[in-house]
Amino acid sequence: MNVLSEISSTFQLMFRRPKRTQYAALCYRKSKGGRLEILLLTSRDTGRWVIPKGWPMGNKAAHVVAED
């Protein structure tokens, strides 16, 4: 299979999947010096910097899930 065919089949699989909702919280604060600080975490698998997020929980509202 050539590279373009492989890329094409990967994208087709990605777009056929049902959309899944996740909730995120952009946690920030202002330091004593007035600078904006944003909370980032590292992912478990790749160690990349990410914004904390999670899945819907029962009948909880999005903002409640983000707080948890």
N, C-alpha and C. Protein backbone atom coordinates (compact mmCIF):
# COMPACT_ATOMS: atom_id res chain seq x y z
N MET A 1 0.86 -1.18 0.00
CA MET A 1 0.00 0.00 0.00
C MET A 1 0.90 1.24 0.00
N ASN A 2 0.64 2.16 -0.90
CA ASN A 2 1.49 3.34 -0.94
C ASN A 2 1.08 4.32 0.16
N VAL A 3 1.89 5.30 0.40
CA VAL A 3 1.71 6.24 1.50
C VAL A 3 0.40 7.01 1.38
N LEU A 4 0.07 7.48 0.18
CA LEU A 4 -1.17 8.26 0.01
C LEU A 4 -2.40 7.41 0.29
N SER A 5 -2.40 6.18 -0.12
CA SER A 5 -3.54 5.29 0.15
C SER A 5 -3.68 5.05 1.65
N GLU A 6 -2.56 4.87 2.31
CA GLU A 6 -2.58 4.65 3.76
C GLU A 6 -3.11 5.87 4.49
N ILE A 7 -2.68 7.05 4.10
CA ILE A 7 -3.16 8.29 4.72
C ILE A 7 -4.66 8.45 4.46
N SER A 8 -5.07 8.18 3.24
CA SER A 8 -6.48 8.30 2.88
C SER A 8 -7.34 7.36 3.71
N SER A 9 -6.94 6.12 3.85
CA SER A 9 -7.75 5.17 4.63
C SER A 9 -7.77 5.54 6.10
N THR A 10 -6.69 6.10 6.62
CA THR A 10 -6.65 6.54 8.02
C THR A 10 -7.64 7.66 8.25
N PHE A 11 -7.66 8.66 7.35
CA PHE A 11 -8.59 9.77 7.49
C PHE A 11 -10.03 9.31 7.36
N GLN A 12 -10.30 8.38 6.47
CA GLN A 12 -11.66 7.86 6.31
C GLN A 12 -12.13 7.20 7.60
N LEU A 13 -11.26 6.45 8.25
CA LEU A 13 -11.62 5.81 9.52
C LEU A 13 -11.88 6.85 10.60
N MET A 14 -11.06 7.89 10.64
CA MET A 14 -11.20 8.94 11.65
C MET A 14 -12.55 9.64 11.53
N PHE A 15 -12.97 9.95 10.32
CA PHE A 15 -14.19 10.71 10.12
C PHE A 15 -15.44 9.85 10.19
N ARG A 16 -15.31 8.54 10.14
CA ARG A 16 -16.46 7.65 10.27
C ARG A 16 -16.84 7.42 11.73
N ARG A 17 -15.91 7.65 12.62
CA ARG A 17 -16.17 7.43 14.04
C ARG A 17 -17.18 8.45 14.56
N PRO A 18 -18.01 8.03 15.50
CA PRO A 18 -18.94 9.01 16.08
C PRO A 18 -18.18 10.05 16.89
N LYS A 19 -18.72 11.27 16.92
CA LYS A 19 -18.08 12.32 17.70
C LYS A 19 -18.24 12.02 19.18
N ARG A 20 -17.18 12.25 19.94
CA ARG A 20 -17.22 12.03 21.37
C ARG A 20 -16.92 13.35 22.05
N THR A 21 -17.72 13.70 23.01
CA THR A 21 -17.58 14.97 23.70
C THR A 21 -16.64 14.83 24.88
N GLN A 22 -15.74 15.79 25.02
CA GLN A 22 -14.90 15.90 26.20
C GLN A 22 -15.03 17.31 26.75
N TYR A 23 -14.80 17.46 28.04
CA TYR A 23 -14.85 18.76 28.68
C TYR A 23 -13.47 19.12 29.19
N ALA A 24 -13.13 20.39 29.07
CA ALA A 24 -11.82 20.85 29.53
C ALA A 24 -11.99 22.08 30.40
N ALA A 25 -11.00 22.30 31.23
CA ALA A 25 -10.97 23.50 32.06
C ALA A 25 -9.66 24.21 31.78
N LEU A 26 -9.75 25.47 31.43
CA LEU A 26 -8.54 26.27 31.23
C LEU A 26 -8.25 26.95 32.56
N CYS A 27 -7.37 26.33 33.32
CA CYS A 27 -7.05 26.82 34.66
C CYS A 27 -5.97 27.89 34.56
N TYR A 28 -6.23 29.03 35.15
CA TYR A 28 -5.26 30.12 35.08
C TYR A 28 -5.31 30.94 36.36
N ARG A 29 -4.28 31.75 36.54
CA ARG A 29 -4.24 32.69 37.66
C ARG A 29 -3.30 33.82 37.30
N LYS A 30 -3.43 34.89 38.01
CA LYS A 30 -2.49 36.00 37.86
C LYS A 30 -1.49 35.92 39.00
N SER A 31 -0.22 35.99 38.67
CA SER A 31 0.82 35.94 39.70
C SER A 31 0.85 37.26 40.46
N LYS A 32 1.62 37.30 41.53
CA LYS A 32 1.75 38.53 42.31
C LYS A 32 2.29 39.67 41.45
N GLY A 33 3.08 39.33 40.44
CA GLY A 33 3.63 40.33 39.54
C GLY A 33 2.67 40.73 38.43
N GLY A 34 1.47 40.13 38.39
CA GLY A 34 0.48 40.47 37.38
C GLY A 34 0.57 39.64 36.11
N ARG A 35 1.48 38.68 36.06
CA ARG A 35 1.60 37.82 34.87
C ARG A 35 0.53 36.74 34.88
N LEU A 36 0.04 36.38 33.71
CA LEU A 36 -0.95 35.32 33.57
C LEU A 36 -0.24 33.98 33.54
N GLU A 37 -0.65 33.04 34.39
CA GLU A 37 -0.08 31.69 34.42
C GLU A 37 -1.18 30.70 34.06
N ILE A 38 -0.89 29.78 33.14
CA ILE A 38 -1.86 28.79 32.68
C ILE A 38 -1.35 27.40 33.07
N LEU A 39 -2.25 26.59 33.64
CA LEU A 39 -1.90 25.24 34.07
C LEU A 39 -1.85 24.31 32.87
N LEU A 40 -0.73 23.64 32.68
CA LEU A 40 -0.58 22.60 31.68
C LEU A 40 -0.09 21.34 32.39
N LEU A 41 -0.50 20.19 31.89
CA LEU A 41 -0.05 18.91 32.42
C LEU A 41 0.66 18.15 31.31
N THR A 42 1.42 17.15 31.68
CA THR A 42 2.01 16.30 30.65
C THR A 42 1.18 15.03 30.52
N SER A 43 1.04 14.56 29.28
CA SER A 43 0.28 13.34 29.03
C SER A 43 1.06 12.13 29.53
N ARG A 44 0.35 11.09 29.89
CA ARG A 44 1.01 9.87 30.40
C ARG A 44 1.80 9.15 29.31
N ASP A 45 1.23 9.13 28.11
CA ASP A 45 1.84 8.33 27.04
C ASP A 45 3.04 9.01 26.40
N THR A 46 2.85 10.24 25.95
CA THR A 46 3.90 10.88 25.14
C THR A 46 4.68 11.95 25.89
N GLY A 47 4.18 12.38 27.05
CA GLY A 47 4.87 13.42 27.80
C GLY A 47 4.68 14.82 27.22
N ARG A 48 3.73 14.97 26.28
CA ARG A 48 3.46 16.29 25.69
C ARG A 48 2.67 17.13 26.68
N TRP A 49 2.78 18.45 26.55
CA TRP A 49 2.02 19.38 27.38
C TRP A 49 0.58 19.43 26.87
N VAL A 50 -0.39 19.29 27.78
CA VAL A 50 -1.81 19.27 27.42
C VAL A 50 -2.63 20.09 28.41
N ILE A 51 -3.84 20.46 27.99
CA ILE A 51 -4.81 21.10 28.87
C ILE A 51 -5.61 19.99 29.54
N PRO A 52 -5.85 20.06 30.86
CA PRO A 52 -6.62 19.01 31.53
C PRO A 52 -8.02 18.88 30.93
N LYS A 53 -8.45 17.64 30.68
CA LYS A 53 -9.79 17.42 30.13
C LYS A 53 -10.30 16.07 30.60
N GLY A 54 -11.60 15.87 30.42
CA GLY A 54 -12.19 14.61 30.85
C GLY A 54 -13.49 14.33 30.11
N TRP A 55 -14.07 13.19 30.44
CA TRP A 55 -15.29 12.72 29.78
C TRP A 55 -16.52 13.12 30.57
N PRO A 56 -17.69 13.19 29.90
CA PRO A 56 -18.94 13.47 30.62
C PRO A 56 -19.16 12.44 31.72
N MET A 57 -19.76 12.88 32.82
CA MET A 57 -20.01 11.99 33.95
C MET A 57 -21.50 12.02 34.30
N GLY A 58 -22.20 10.97 33.94
CA GLY A 58 -23.62 10.86 34.26
C GLY A 58 -24.41 12.05 33.76
N ASN A 59 -25.21 12.61 34.64
CA ASN A 59 -26.05 13.75 34.29
C ASN A 59 -25.45 15.08 34.74
N LYS A 60 -24.16 15.11 35.05
CA LYS A 60 -23.54 16.33 35.52
C LYS A 60 -23.38 17.33 34.37
N ALA A 61 -23.53 18.61 34.69
CA ALA A 61 -23.33 19.66 33.71
C ALA A 61 -21.87 19.77 33.35
N ALA A 62 -21.58 20.33 32.17
CA ALA A 62 -20.20 20.43 31.68
C ALA A 62 -19.30 21.16 32.66
N HIS A 63 -19.77 22.27 33.24
CA HIS A 63 -18.91 23.02 34.15
C HIS A 63 -18.62 22.27 35.44
N VAL A 64 -19.54 21.41 35.86
CA VAL A 64 -19.31 20.60 37.06
C VAL A 64 -18.27 19.52 36.78
N VAL A 65 -18.35 18.90 35.61
CA VAL A 65 -17.36 17.88 35.23
C VAL A 65 -15.97 18.51 35.14
N ALA A 66 -15.89 19.70 34.58
CA ALA A 66 -14.59 20.38 34.44
C ALA A 66 -14.00 20.72 35.80
N GLU A 67 -14.85 21.03 36.78
CA GLU A 67 -14.36 21.33 38.13
C GLU A 67 -13.78 20.09 38.81
N ASP A 68 -14.36 18.93 38.52
CA ASP A 68 -13.89 17.68 39.15
C ASP A 68 -12.57 17.31 38.56
